């Protein structure tokens, strides 16, 4: 990672921290409005993901809904970044879980190695933010009941994550677009009032 990338990443982290500090300092009514906006976004993304997963015949469509809720953030950029991390974590965790299922013979040690492997691989690839998600996916692969071969579960899990992240991104983008249009209308009205 170059110094420019590190500086941008640090600036984004600082801005996100500042946003959350600002939101925490808001009076209760304003925090409730922000909470309602986030709830709307999370519920809309989860509902879309669940509906799509059902239409595609997923046996456990709730995983897509859980993913959509998990990646929904206050801004589109944050949702996009977390979605990327979720997808990478699901890929790495799915592969590690698959290896644990194939070579582990159902032993708990295989589970522990798969989870640790997913976390270490993510950190080694400099995407530590995906590490916990990789460990979660490996856990789902190895501890959740499944019907069918392990490779199929890995692909299904990646598909569920993809549906959840795409749904959350779509809803977040749509809400951001509506907010921008609404703000532009308010600004235009204010300018017309000031001009008259």
N, C-alpha and C. Protein backbone atom coordinates (compact mmCIF):
# COMPACT_ATOMS: atom_id res chain seq x y z
N UNK A 1 0.85 -1.17 0.00
CA UNK A 1 0.00 0.00 0.00
C UNK A 1 0.90 1.24 0.00
N UNK A 2 0.63 2.17 -0.91
CA UNK A 2 1.45 3.37 -1.01
C UNK A 2 1.06 4.37 0.06
N UNK A 3 1.92 5.39 0.21
CA UNK A 3 1.63 6.43 1.20
C UNK A 3 0.36 7.20 0.85
N UNK A 4 0.10 7.37 -0.45
CA UNK A 4 -1.12 8.06 -0.88
C UNK A 4 -2.35 7.27 -0.46
N UNK A 5 -2.30 5.94 -0.67
CA UNK A 5 -3.43 5.10 -0.26
C UNK A 5 -3.61 5.14 1.26
N UNK A 6 -2.51 5.10 1.98
CA UNK A 6 -2.60 5.15 3.45
C UNK A 6 -3.19 6.47 3.91
N UNK A 7 -2.77 7.56 3.27
CA UNK A 7 -3.28 8.88 3.64
C UNK A 7 -4.78 8.97 3.36
N UNK A 8 -5.21 8.46 2.19
CA UNK A 8 -6.63 8.47 1.87
C UNK A 8 -7.42 7.61 2.85
N UNK A 9 -6.88 6.46 3.16
CA UNK A 9 -7.56 5.56 4.10
C UNK A 9 -7.68 6.22 5.48
N UNK A 10 -6.60 6.88 5.92
CA UNK A 10 -6.62 7.56 7.21
C UNK A 10 -7.62 8.72 7.20
N UNK A 11 -7.68 9.44 6.08
CA UNK A 11 -8.63 10.55 5.96
C UNK A 11 -10.06 10.04 6.00
N UNK A 12 -10.33 8.92 5.32
CA UNK A 12 -11.68 8.34 5.34
C UNK A 12 -12.04 7.87 6.75
N UNK A 13 -11.09 7.23 7.41
CA UNK A 13 -11.35 6.75 8.77
C UNK A 13 -11.62 7.93 9.70
N UNK A 14 -10.86 8.99 9.54
CA UNK A 14 -11.07 10.18 10.36
C UNK A 14 -12.43 10.81 10.08
N UNK A 15 -12.82 10.88 8.81
CA UNK A 15 -14.12 11.44 8.46
C UNK A 15 -15.25 10.58 9.03
N UNK A 16 -15.09 9.26 8.93
CA UNK A 16 -16.12 8.36 9.48
C UNK A 16 -16.23 8.53 10.98
N UNK A 17 -15.08 8.63 11.65
CA UNK A 17 -15.11 8.83 13.10
C UNK A 17 -15.77 10.16 13.44
N UNK A 18 -15.45 11.20 12.67
CA UNK A 18 -16.06 12.51 12.91
C UNK A 18 -17.57 12.46 12.69
N UNK A 19 -18.01 11.74 11.65
CA UNK A 19 -19.44 11.62 11.40
C UNK A 19 -20.13 10.93 12.57
N UNK A 20 -19.56 9.82 13.04
CA UNK A 20 -20.18 9.11 14.15
C UNK A 20 -20.15 9.94 15.43
N UNK A 21 -19.06 10.67 15.65
CA UNK A 21 -19.00 11.55 16.83
C UNK A 21 -20.07 12.64 16.72
N UNK A 22 -20.25 13.18 15.52
CA UNK A 22 -21.28 14.19 15.31
C UNK A 22 -22.67 13.60 15.56
N UNK A 23 -22.93 12.42 15.01
CA UNK A 23 -24.24 11.80 15.19
C UNK A 23 -24.52 11.49 16.66
N UNK A 24 -23.50 11.10 17.40
CA UNK A 24 -23.69 10.81 18.82
C UNK A 24 -23.98 12.09 19.61
N UNK A 25 -23.52 13.22 19.11
CA UNK A 25 -23.72 14.47 19.84
C UNK A 25 -25.07 15.12 19.54
N UNK A 26 -25.81 14.58 18.60
CA UNK A 26 -27.10 15.15 18.24
C UNK A 26 -28.10 14.99 19.39
N UNK A 27 -29.07 15.88 19.48
CA UNK A 27 -30.13 15.71 20.48
C UNK A 27 -30.96 14.46 20.15
N UNK A 28 -31.66 13.94 21.14
CA UNK A 28 -32.42 12.71 20.99
C UNK A 28 -33.35 12.71 19.78
N UNK A 29 -34.16 13.74 19.55
CA UNK A 29 -35.05 13.69 18.38
C UNK A 29 -34.29 13.53 17.06
N UNK A 30 -33.15 14.21 16.93
CA UNK A 30 -32.36 14.10 15.71
C UNK A 30 -31.73 12.71 15.58
N UNK A 31 -31.29 12.15 16.71
CA UNK A 31 -30.73 10.78 16.67
C UNK A 31 -31.80 9.78 16.27
N UNK A 32 -33.03 10.01 16.76
CA UNK A 32 -34.12 9.11 16.38
C UNK A 32 -34.42 9.20 14.88
N UNK A 33 -34.36 10.39 14.32
CA UNK A 33 -34.57 10.55 12.88
C UNK A 33 -33.48 9.81 12.12
N UNK A 34 -32.23 9.97 12.54
CA UNK A 34 -31.12 9.26 11.89
C UNK A 34 -31.28 7.76 12.04
N UNK A 35 -31.71 7.32 13.22
CA UNK A 35 -31.94 5.89 13.46
C UNK A 35 -33.04 5.35 12.57
N UNK A 36 -34.09 6.15 12.38
CA UNK A 36 -35.18 5.73 11.49
C UNK A 36 -34.70 5.63 10.05
N UNK A 37 -33.86 6.56 9.64
CA UNK A 37 -33.31 6.51 8.27
C UNK A 37 -32.45 5.26 8.08
N UNK A 38 -31.63 4.95 9.07
CA UNK A 38 -30.80 3.74 8.98
C UNK A 38 -31.67 2.49 9.01
N UNK A 39 -32.70 2.50 9.84
CA UNK A 39 -33.61 1.34 9.91
C UNK A 39 -34.30 1.13 8.56
N UNK A 40 -34.77 2.22 7.95
CA UNK A 40 -35.41 2.12 6.64
C UNK A 40 -34.45 1.52 5.63
N UNK A 41 -33.24 2.00 5.62
CA UNK A 41 -32.23 1.50 4.68
C UNK A 41 -31.94 0.02 4.92
N UNK A 42 -31.75 -0.36 6.18
CA UNK A 42 -31.43 -1.76 6.50
C UNK A 42 -32.60 -2.68 6.17
N UNK A 43 -33.81 -2.27 6.53
CA UNK A 43 -34.98 -3.10 6.28
C UNK A 43 -35.23 -3.22 4.78
N UNK A 44 -35.10 -2.13 4.04
CA UNK A 44 -35.31 -2.18 2.59
C UNK A 44 -34.27 -3.08 1.92
N UNK A 45 -33.00 -2.94 2.30
CA UNK A 45 -31.96 -3.79 1.74
C UNK A 45 -32.15 -5.25 2.08
N UNK A 46 -32.49 -5.52 3.34
CA UNK A 46 -32.70 -6.91 3.78
C UNK A 46 -33.92 -7.52 3.09
N UNK A 47 -34.97 -6.73 2.96
CA UNK A 47 -36.19 -7.23 2.30
C UNK A 47 -35.93 -7.56 0.84
N UNK A 48 -35.23 -6.67 0.16
CA UNK A 48 -34.88 -6.92 -1.24
C UNK A 48 -34.01 -8.17 -1.36
N UNK A 49 -33.00 -8.29 -0.51
CA UNK A 49 -32.11 -9.44 -0.55
C UNK A 49 -32.87 -10.74 -0.27
N UNK A 50 -33.74 -10.71 0.71
CA UNK A 50 -34.53 -11.90 1.06
C UNK A 50 -35.45 -12.28 -0.09
N UNK A 51 -36.12 -11.30 -0.65
CA UNK A 51 -37.04 -11.55 -1.75
C UNK A 51 -36.29 -12.14 -2.95
N UNK A 52 -35.14 -11.55 -3.30
CA UNK A 52 -34.36 -12.07 -4.43
C UNK A 52 -33.88 -13.49 -4.15
N UNK A 53 -33.39 -13.74 -2.95
CA UNK A 53 -32.91 -15.07 -2.61
C UNK A 53 -34.04 -16.10 -2.68
N UNK A 54 -35.23 -15.73 -2.22
CA UNK A 54 -36.38 -16.63 -2.33
C UNK A 54 -36.72 -16.91 -3.78
N UNK A 55 -36.73 -15.87 -4.60
CA UNK A 55 -37.07 -16.04 -6.02
C UNK A 55 -36.04 -16.91 -6.74
N UNK A 56 -34.81 -16.88 -6.28
CA UNK A 56 -33.76 -17.70 -6.90
C UNK A 56 -33.70 -19.11 -6.32
N UNK A 57 -34.58 -19.39 -5.37
CA UNK A 57 -34.67 -20.73 -4.81
C UNK A 57 -33.68 -21.06 -3.71
N UNK A 58 -33.15 -20.06 -3.04
CA UNK A 58 -32.20 -20.32 -1.95
C UNK A 58 -32.91 -21.06 -0.82
N UNK A 59 -32.23 -22.04 -0.24
CA UNK A 59 -32.82 -22.81 0.86
C UNK A 59 -32.84 -22.01 2.16
N UNK A 60 -31.89 -21.11 2.32
CA UNK A 60 -31.81 -20.28 3.53
C UNK A 60 -31.65 -18.81 3.12
N UNK A 61 -32.71 -18.20 2.62
CA UNK A 61 -32.61 -16.82 2.12
C UNK A 61 -32.31 -15.79 3.21
N UNK A 62 -32.46 -16.18 4.46
CA UNK A 62 -32.20 -15.24 5.55
C UNK A 62 -30.73 -14.80 5.58
N UNK A 63 -29.82 -15.64 5.05
CA UNK A 63 -28.40 -15.24 5.04
C UNK A 63 -28.19 -14.00 4.16
N UNK A 64 -28.90 -13.91 3.06
CA UNK A 64 -28.80 -12.72 2.21
C UNK A 64 -29.32 -11.49 2.95
N UNK A 65 -30.42 -11.65 3.69
CA UNK A 65 -30.98 -10.53 4.46
C UNK A 65 -30.01 -10.11 5.57
N UNK A 66 -29.42 -11.08 6.25
CA UNK A 66 -28.45 -10.77 7.31
C UNK A 66 -27.27 -10.00 6.74
N UNK A 67 -26.79 -10.43 5.58
CA UNK A 67 -25.66 -9.73 4.94
C UNK A 67 -26.03 -8.29 4.61
N UNK A 68 -27.22 -8.09 4.07
CA UNK A 68 -27.65 -6.72 3.72
C UNK A 68 -27.69 -5.83 4.95
N UNK A 69 -28.21 -6.35 6.05
CA UNK A 69 -28.24 -5.57 7.29
C UNK A 69 -26.81 -5.31 7.78
N UNK A 70 -25.97 -6.32 7.68
CA UNK A 70 -24.59 -6.20 8.17
C UNK A 70 -23.76 -5.18 7.43
N UNK A 71 -24.03 -4.96 6.14
CA UNK A 71 -23.20 -4.02 5.38
C UNK A 71 -23.83 -2.64 5.25
N UNK A 72 -25.10 -2.49 5.62
CA UNK A 72 -25.76 -1.19 5.51
C UNK A 72 -25.08 -0.18 6.43
N UNK A 73 -24.62 0.90 5.85
CA UNK A 73 -23.94 1.96 6.59
C UNK A 73 -24.61 3.30 6.29
N UNK A 74 -24.13 4.32 6.96
CA UNK A 74 -24.75 5.64 6.84
C UNK A 74 -24.53 6.27 5.46
N UNK A 75 -23.42 5.94 4.83
CA UNK A 75 -23.14 6.54 3.52
C UNK A 75 -22.92 5.44 2.49
N UNK A 76 -23.09 5.80 1.22
CA UNK A 76 -22.89 4.84 0.14
C UNK A 76 -21.44 4.35 0.11
N UNK A 77 -20.49 5.25 0.30
CA UNK A 77 -19.07 4.87 0.26
C UNK A 77 -18.76 3.85 1.36
N UNK A 78 -19.27 4.09 2.56
CA UNK A 78 -19.04 3.13 3.65
C UNK A 78 -19.71 1.80 3.37
N UNK A 79 -20.90 1.83 2.81
CA UNK A 79 -21.60 0.59 2.45
C UNK A 79 -20.83 -0.15 1.38
N UNK A 80 -20.31 0.58 0.39
CA UNK A 80 -19.52 -0.05 -0.68
C UNK A 80 -18.27 -0.70 -0.12
N UNK A 81 -17.56 -0.01 0.75
CA UNK A 81 -16.34 -0.56 1.32
C UNK A 81 -16.62 -1.79 2.17
N UNK A 82 -17.65 -1.73 2.99
CA UNK A 82 -17.98 -2.88 3.82
C UNK A 82 -18.50 -4.04 2.97
N UNK A 83 -19.20 -3.74 1.89
CA UNK A 83 -19.67 -4.78 0.97
C UNK A 83 -18.49 -5.49 0.33
N UNK A 84 -17.49 -4.72 -0.09
CA UNK A 84 -16.28 -5.32 -0.67
C UNK A 84 -15.62 -6.23 0.35
N UNK A 85 -15.50 -5.76 1.59
CA UNK A 85 -14.87 -6.58 2.64
C UNK A 85 -15.69 -7.84 2.91
N UNK A 86 -17.01 -7.70 2.91
CA UNK A 86 -17.88 -8.85 3.14
C UNK A 86 -17.70 -9.88 2.03
N UNK A 87 -17.64 -9.43 0.79
CA UNK A 87 -17.48 -10.33 -0.34
C UNK A 87 -16.13 -11.05 -0.28
N UNK A 88 -15.07 -10.30 -0.03
CA UNK A 88 -13.74 -10.91 0.06
C UNK A 88 -13.68 -11.89 1.23
N UNK A 89 -14.23 -11.47 2.37
CA UNK A 89 -14.25 -12.35 3.53
C UNK A 89 -15.03 -13.62 3.26
N UNK A 90 -16.15 -13.50 2.54
CA UNK A 90 -16.94 -14.69 2.21
C UNK A 90 -16.17 -15.60 1.27
N UNK A 91 -15.44 -15.02 0.32
CA UNK A 91 -14.65 -15.84 -0.60
C UNK A 91 -13.56 -16.60 0.15
N UNK A 92 -12.79 -15.87 0.94
CA UNK A 92 -11.69 -16.49 1.68
C UNK A 92 -12.22 -17.49 2.70
N UNK A 93 -13.23 -17.09 3.46
CA UNK A 93 -13.82 -17.98 4.45
C UNK A 93 -14.45 -19.21 3.82
N UNK A 94 -15.09 -19.02 2.67
CA UNK A 94 -15.68 -20.14 1.95
C UNK A 94 -14.63 -21.14 1.50
N UNK A 95 -13.52 -20.62 0.98
CA UNK A 95 -12.44 -21.51 0.55
C UNK A 95 -11.80 -22.23 1.73
N UNK A 96 -11.58 -21.51 2.82
CA UNK A 96 -10.99 -22.14 4.01
C UNK A 96 -11.98 -23.14 4.63
N UNK A 97 -13.25 -22.79 4.66
CA UNK A 97 -14.26 -23.71 5.16
C UNK A 97 -14.37 -24.95 4.29
N UNK A 98 -14.27 -24.75 2.98
CA UNK A 98 -14.30 -25.88 2.05
C UNK A 98 -13.12 -26.81 2.30
N UNK A 99 -11.94 -26.22 2.46
CA UNK A 99 -10.75 -27.03 2.75
C UNK A 99 -10.92 -27.77 4.08
N UNK A 100 -11.46 -27.10 5.08
CA UNK A 100 -11.68 -27.74 6.37
C UNK A 100 -12.67 -28.88 6.28
N UNK A 101 -13.72 -28.70 5.46
CA UNK A 101 -14.73 -29.75 5.31
C UNK A 101 -14.18 -30.95 4.54
N UNK A 102 -13.38 -30.66 3.51
CA UNK A 102 -12.85 -31.74 2.67
C UNK A 102 -11.74 -32.51 3.38
N UNK A 103 -10.82 -31.78 4.01
CA UNK A 103 -9.66 -32.43 4.59
C UNK A 103 -9.75 -32.66 6.10
N UNK A 104 -10.74 -32.07 6.75
CA UNK A 104 -10.81 -32.13 8.20
C UNK A 104 -11.56 -33.29 8.79
N UNK A 105 -12.36 -33.94 7.99
CA UNK A 105 -13.09 -35.10 8.47
C UNK A 105 -14.02 -34.82 9.65
N UNK A 106 -14.53 -33.61 9.76
CA UNK A 106 -15.46 -33.29 10.83
C UNK A 106 -14.83 -33.04 12.19
N UNK A 107 -13.53 -32.95 12.27
CA UNK A 107 -12.85 -32.71 13.55
C UNK A 107 -12.87 -31.23 13.89
N UNK A 108 -12.96 -30.95 15.18
CA UNK A 108 -12.98 -29.56 15.63
C UNK A 108 -11.68 -28.84 15.28
N UNK A 109 -10.58 -29.55 15.28
CA UNK A 109 -9.30 -28.94 14.92
C UNK A 109 -9.34 -28.38 13.50
N UNK A 110 -10.04 -29.06 12.59
CA UNK A 110 -10.16 -28.57 11.22
C UNK A 110 -10.93 -27.25 11.20
N UNK A 111 -11.94 -27.15 12.04
CA UNK A 111 -12.69 -25.90 12.15
C UNK A 111 -11.77 -24.77 12.62
N UNK A 112 -11.03 -25.04 13.69
CA UNK A 112 -10.14 -24.01 14.25
C UNK A 112 -9.10 -23.58 13.22
N UNK A 113 -8.53 -24.52 12.49
CA UNK A 113 -7.52 -24.20 11.48
C UNK A 113 -8.15 -23.40 10.34
N UNK A 114 -9.36 -23.76 9.93
CA UNK A 114 -10.03 -23.05 8.84
C UNK A 114 -10.32 -21.60 9.22
N UNK A 115 -10.84 -21.39 10.42
CA UNK A 115 -11.13 -20.02 10.86
C UNK A 115 -9.84 -19.22 10.98
N UNK A 116 -8.84 -19.80 11.62
CA UNK A 116 -7.55 -19.11 11.76
C UNK A 116 -6.95 -18.84 10.39
N UNK A 117 -7.05 -19.81 9.50
CA UNK A 117 -6.51 -19.62 8.14
C UNK A 117 -7.18 -18.48 7.41
N UNK A 118 -8.50 -18.38 7.52
CA UNK A 118 -9.22 -17.29 6.86
C UNK A 118 -8.76 -15.94 7.40
N UNK A 119 -8.62 -15.85 8.69
CA UNK A 119 -8.21 -14.58 9.31
C UNK A 119 -6.79 -14.22 8.90
N UNK A 120 -5.89 -15.19 8.97
CA UNK A 120 -4.48 -14.92 8.61
C UNK A 120 -4.35 -14.57 7.14
N UNK A 121 -5.07 -15.27 6.26
CA UNK A 121 -5.00 -14.95 4.83
C UNK A 121 -5.48 -13.53 4.55
N UNK A 122 -6.57 -13.12 5.18
CA UNK A 122 -7.05 -11.76 4.97
C UNK A 122 -6.04 -10.73 5.46
N UNK A 123 -5.48 -10.96 6.63
CA UNK A 123 -4.48 -10.02 7.15
C UNK A 123 -3.23 -10.03 6.28
N UNK A 124 -2.83 -11.21 5.81
CA UNK A 124 -1.65 -11.30 4.94
C UNK A 124 -1.85 -10.59 3.62
N UNK A 125 -3.08 -10.56 3.13
CA UNK A 125 -3.39 -9.87 1.88
C UNK A 125 -3.68 -8.38 2.12
N UNK A 126 -3.49 -7.93 3.34
CA UNK A 126 -3.68 -6.52 3.73
C UNK A 126 -5.15 -6.09 3.62
N UNK A 127 -6.04 -7.02 3.90
CA UNK A 127 -7.47 -6.70 3.97
C UNK A 127 -8.01 -7.22 5.31
N UNK A 128 -7.37 -6.75 6.37
CA UNK A 128 -7.74 -7.18 7.71
C UNK A 128 -9.19 -6.92 8.04
N UNK A 129 -9.80 -5.93 7.39
CA UNK A 129 -11.20 -5.63 7.65
C UNK A 129 -12.12 -6.76 7.18
N UNK A 130 -11.64 -7.63 6.30
CA UNK A 130 -12.42 -8.77 5.84
C UNK A 130 -12.17 -10.01 6.69
N UNK A 131 -11.22 -9.94 7.60
CA UNK A 131 -10.79 -11.12 8.35
C UNK A 131 -11.90 -11.71 9.21
N UNK A 132 -12.58 -10.89 9.96
CA UNK A 132 -13.64 -11.44 10.83
C UNK A 132 -14.77 -12.03 10.00
N UNK A 133 -15.04 -11.43 8.85
CA UNK A 133 -16.09 -11.94 7.97
C UNK A 133 -15.66 -13.27 7.35
N UNK A 134 -14.37 -13.41 7.08
CA UNK A 134 -13.86 -14.70 6.60
C UNK A 134 -14.01 -15.77 7.66
N UNK A 135 -13.71 -15.41 8.90
CA UNK A 135 -13.87 -16.36 10.00
C UNK A 135 -15.32 -16.74 10.22
N UNK A 136 -16.23 -15.79 10.07
CA UNK A 136 -17.66 -16.08 10.21
C UNK A 136 -18.12 -17.03 9.10
N UNK A 137 -17.68 -16.77 7.88
CA UNK A 137 -18.09 -17.64 6.77
C UNK A 137 -17.54 -19.05 6.96
N UNK A 138 -16.29 -19.17 7.38
CA UNK A 138 -15.73 -20.50 7.65
C UNK A 138 -16.52 -21.20 8.75
N UNK A 139 -16.93 -20.45 9.75
CA UNK A 139 -17.75 -21.03 10.83
C UNK A 139 -19.08 -21.53 10.29
N UNK A 140 -19.73 -20.73 9.46
CA UNK A 140 -20.99 -21.15 8.87
C UNK A 140 -20.78 -22.41 8.03
N UNK A 141 -19.70 -22.42 7.27
CA UNK A 141 -19.41 -23.58 6.41
C UNK A 141 -19.24 -24.87 7.23
N UNK A 142 -18.59 -24.76 8.37
CA UNK A 142 -18.22 -25.96 9.10
C UNK A 142 -19.15 -26.31 10.26
N UNK A 143 -19.89 -25.35 10.78
CA UNK A 143 -20.73 -25.64 11.95
C UNK A 143 -22.22 -25.62 11.67
N UNK A 144 -22.64 -24.91 10.63
CA UNK A 144 -24.08 -24.86 10.32
C UNK A 144 -24.48 -26.16 9.62
N UNK A 145 -25.65 -26.68 9.94
CA UNK A 145 -26.11 -27.89 9.25
C UNK A 145 -26.24 -27.61 7.75
N UNK A 146 -25.88 -28.59 6.96
CA UNK A 146 -25.99 -28.40 5.52
C UNK A 146 -26.43 -29.70 4.86
N UNK A 147 -27.06 -29.52 3.73
CA UNK A 147 -27.43 -30.66 2.90
C UNK A 147 -26.68 -30.50 1.59
N UNK A 148 -25.96 -31.51 1.19
CA UNK A 148 -25.21 -31.43 -0.06
C UNK A 148 -23.73 -31.29 0.19
N UNK A 149 -22.98 -31.28 -0.89
CA UNK A 149 -21.52 -31.20 -0.78
C UNK A 149 -21.04 -29.84 -0.29
N UNK A 150 -19.85 -29.83 0.31
CA UNK A 150 -19.28 -28.60 0.87
C UNK A 150 -19.04 -27.54 -0.20
N UNK A 151 -18.61 -27.95 -1.38
CA UNK A 151 -18.36 -26.96 -2.44
C UNK A 151 -19.64 -26.23 -2.82
N UNK A 152 -20.77 -26.95 -2.78
CA UNK A 152 -22.04 -26.33 -3.09
C UNK A 152 -22.41 -25.30 -2.03
N UNK A 153 -22.15 -25.63 -0.78
CA UNK A 153 -22.45 -24.68 0.30
C UNK A 153 -21.58 -23.43 0.17
N UNK A 154 -20.31 -23.61 -0.21
CA UNK A 154 -19.42 -22.46 -0.40
C UNK A 154 -19.96 -21.54 -1.49
N UNK A 155 -20.40 -22.11 -2.60
CA UNK A 155 -20.94 -21.30 -3.69
C UNK A 155 -22.26 -20.64 -3.30
N UNK A 156 -23.10 -21.37 -2.60
CA UNK A 156 -24.38 -20.81 -2.16
C UNK A 156 -24.14 -19.66 -1.20
N UNK A 157 -23.22 -19.85 -0.26
CA UNK A 157 -22.92 -18.79 0.70
C UNK A 157 -22.40 -17.55 -0.01
N UNK A 158 -21.52 -17.72 -1.00
CA UNK A 158 -21.01 -16.58 -1.75
C UNK A 158 -22.14 -15.90 -2.52
N UNK A 159 -23.06 -16.70 -3.06
CA UNK A 159 -24.22 -16.13 -3.74
C UNK A 159 -25.10 -15.33 -2.79
N UNK A 160 -25.31 -15.86 -1.58
CA UNK A 160 -26.13 -15.14 -0.60
C UNK A 160 -25.48 -13.82 -0.20
N UNK A 161 -24.17 -13.86 -0.01
CA UNK A 161 -23.44 -12.63 0.32
C UNK A 161 -23.55 -11.63 -0.82
N UNK A 162 -23.41 -12.12 -2.03
CA UNK A 162 -23.51 -11.23 -3.19
C UNK A 162 -24.90 -10.59 -3.26
N UNK A 163 -25.94 -11.39 -3.09
CA UNK A 163 -27.30 -10.83 -3.10
C UNK A 163 -27.48 -9.79 -2.00
N UNK A 164 -27.00 -10.10 -0.81
CA UNK A 164 -27.14 -9.16 0.30
C UNK A 164 -26.39 -7.86 0.08
N UNK A 165 -25.14 -7.97 -0.41
CA UNK A 165 -24.35 -6.75 -0.60
C UNK A 165 -24.91 -5.92 -1.76
N UNK A 166 -25.29 -6.56 -2.85
CA UNK A 166 -25.85 -5.81 -3.99
C UNK A 166 -27.16 -5.13 -3.58
N UNK A 167 -27.98 -5.82 -2.82
CA UNK A 167 -29.24 -5.22 -2.36
C UNK A 167 -28.98 -4.02 -1.47
N UNK A 168 -28.07 -4.16 -0.53
CA UNK A 168 -27.75 -3.04 0.37
C UNK A 168 -27.17 -1.87 -0.42
N UNK A 169 -26.29 -2.15 -1.37
CA UNK A 169 -25.70 -1.09 -2.19
C UNK A 169 -26.76 -0.38 -3.01
N UNK A 170 -27.66 -1.13 -3.60
CA UNK A 170 -28.72 -0.54 -4.42
C UNK A 170 -29.61 0.38 -3.58
N UNK A 171 -30.03 -0.11 -2.43
CA UNK A 171 -30.90 0.70 -1.55
C UNK A 171 -30.16 1.92 -1.05
N UNK A 172 -28.91 1.76 -0.64
CA UNK A 172 -28.13 2.89 -0.14
C UNK A 172 -27.92 3.93 -1.23
N UNK A 173 -27.62 3.48 -2.44
CA UNK A 173 -27.43 4.40 -3.55
C UNK A 173 -28.73 5.16 -3.84
N UNK A 174 -29.85 4.44 -3.84
CA UNK A 174 -31.14 5.07 -4.10
C UNK A 174 -31.48 6.11 -3.03
N UNK A 175 -31.26 5.78 -1.79
CA UNK A 175 -31.53 6.74 -0.70
C UNK A 175 -30.62 7.95 -0.81
N UNK A 176 -29.35 7.74 -1.13
CA UNK A 176 -28.41 8.86 -1.29
C UNK A 176 -28.85 9.74 -2.46
N UNK A 177 -29.31 9.13 -3.54
CA UNK A 177 -29.78 9.89 -4.71
C UNK A 177 -31.00 10.72 -4.34
N UNK A 178 -31.94 10.12 -3.61
CA UNK A 178 -33.14 10.85 -3.17
C UNK A 178 -32.74 12.01 -2.26
N UNK A 179 -31.82 11.76 -1.33
CA UNK A 179 -31.37 12.82 -0.41
C UNK A 179 -30.73 13.97 -1.19
N UNK A 180 -29.90 13.66 -2.19
CA UNK A 180 -29.26 14.71 -2.99
C UNK A 180 -30.30 15.54 -3.75
N UNK A 181 -31.28 14.87 -4.35
CA UNK A 181 -32.34 15.58 -5.08
C UNK A 181 -33.16 16.45 -4.13
N UNK A 182 -33.49 15.91 -2.98
CA UNK A 182 -34.27 16.65 -1.99
C UNK A 182 -33.49 17.87 -1.52
N UNK A 183 -32.19 17.68 -1.23
CA UNK A 183 -31.35 18.80 -0.78
C UNK A 183 -31.22 19.85 -1.87
N UNK A 184 -31.10 19.42 -3.13
CA UNK A 184 -31.00 20.38 -4.24
C UNK A 184 -32.28 21.19 -4.37
N UNK A 185 -33.42 20.56 -4.18
CA UNK A 185 -34.69 21.30 -4.24
C UNK A 185 -34.79 22.33 -3.12
N UNK A 186 -34.39 21.93 -1.93
CA UNK A 186 -34.44 22.86 -0.80
C UNK A 186 -33.49 24.02 -1.05
N UNK A 187 -32.31 23.73 -1.58
CA UNK A 187 -31.32 24.79 -1.89
C UNK A 187 -31.87 25.72 -2.96
N UNK A 188 -32.50 25.19 -3.98
CA UNK A 188 -33.07 26.01 -5.05
C UNK A 188 -34.17 26.92 -4.51
N UNK A 189 -35.00 26.37 -3.64
CA UNK A 189 -36.07 27.19 -3.03
C UNK A 189 -35.47 28.31 -2.20
N UNK A 190 -34.44 27.98 -1.43
CA UNK A 190 -33.78 29.00 -0.61
C UNK A 190 -33.17 30.09 -1.47
N UNK A 191 -32.58 29.72 -2.59
CA UNK A 191 -31.97 30.71 -3.49
C UNK A 191 -33.05 31.59 -4.13
N UNK A 192 -34.17 30.99 -4.51
CA UNK A 192 -35.27 31.78 -5.08
C UNK A 192 -35.82 32.78 -4.06
N UNK A 193 -35.95 32.32 -2.80
CA UNK A 193 -36.45 33.22 -1.75
C UNK A 193 -35.46 34.36 -1.50
N UNK A 194 -34.20 34.02 -1.51
CA UNK A 194 -33.18 35.04 -1.26
C UNK A 194 -33.12 36.05 -2.42
N UNK A 195 -33.38 35.58 -3.64
CA UNK A 195 -33.34 36.46 -4.81
C UNK A 195 -34.56 37.37 -4.89
N UNK A 196 -35.68 36.97 -4.27
CA UNK A 196 -36.89 37.80 -4.38
C UNK A 196 -37.06 38.73 -3.22
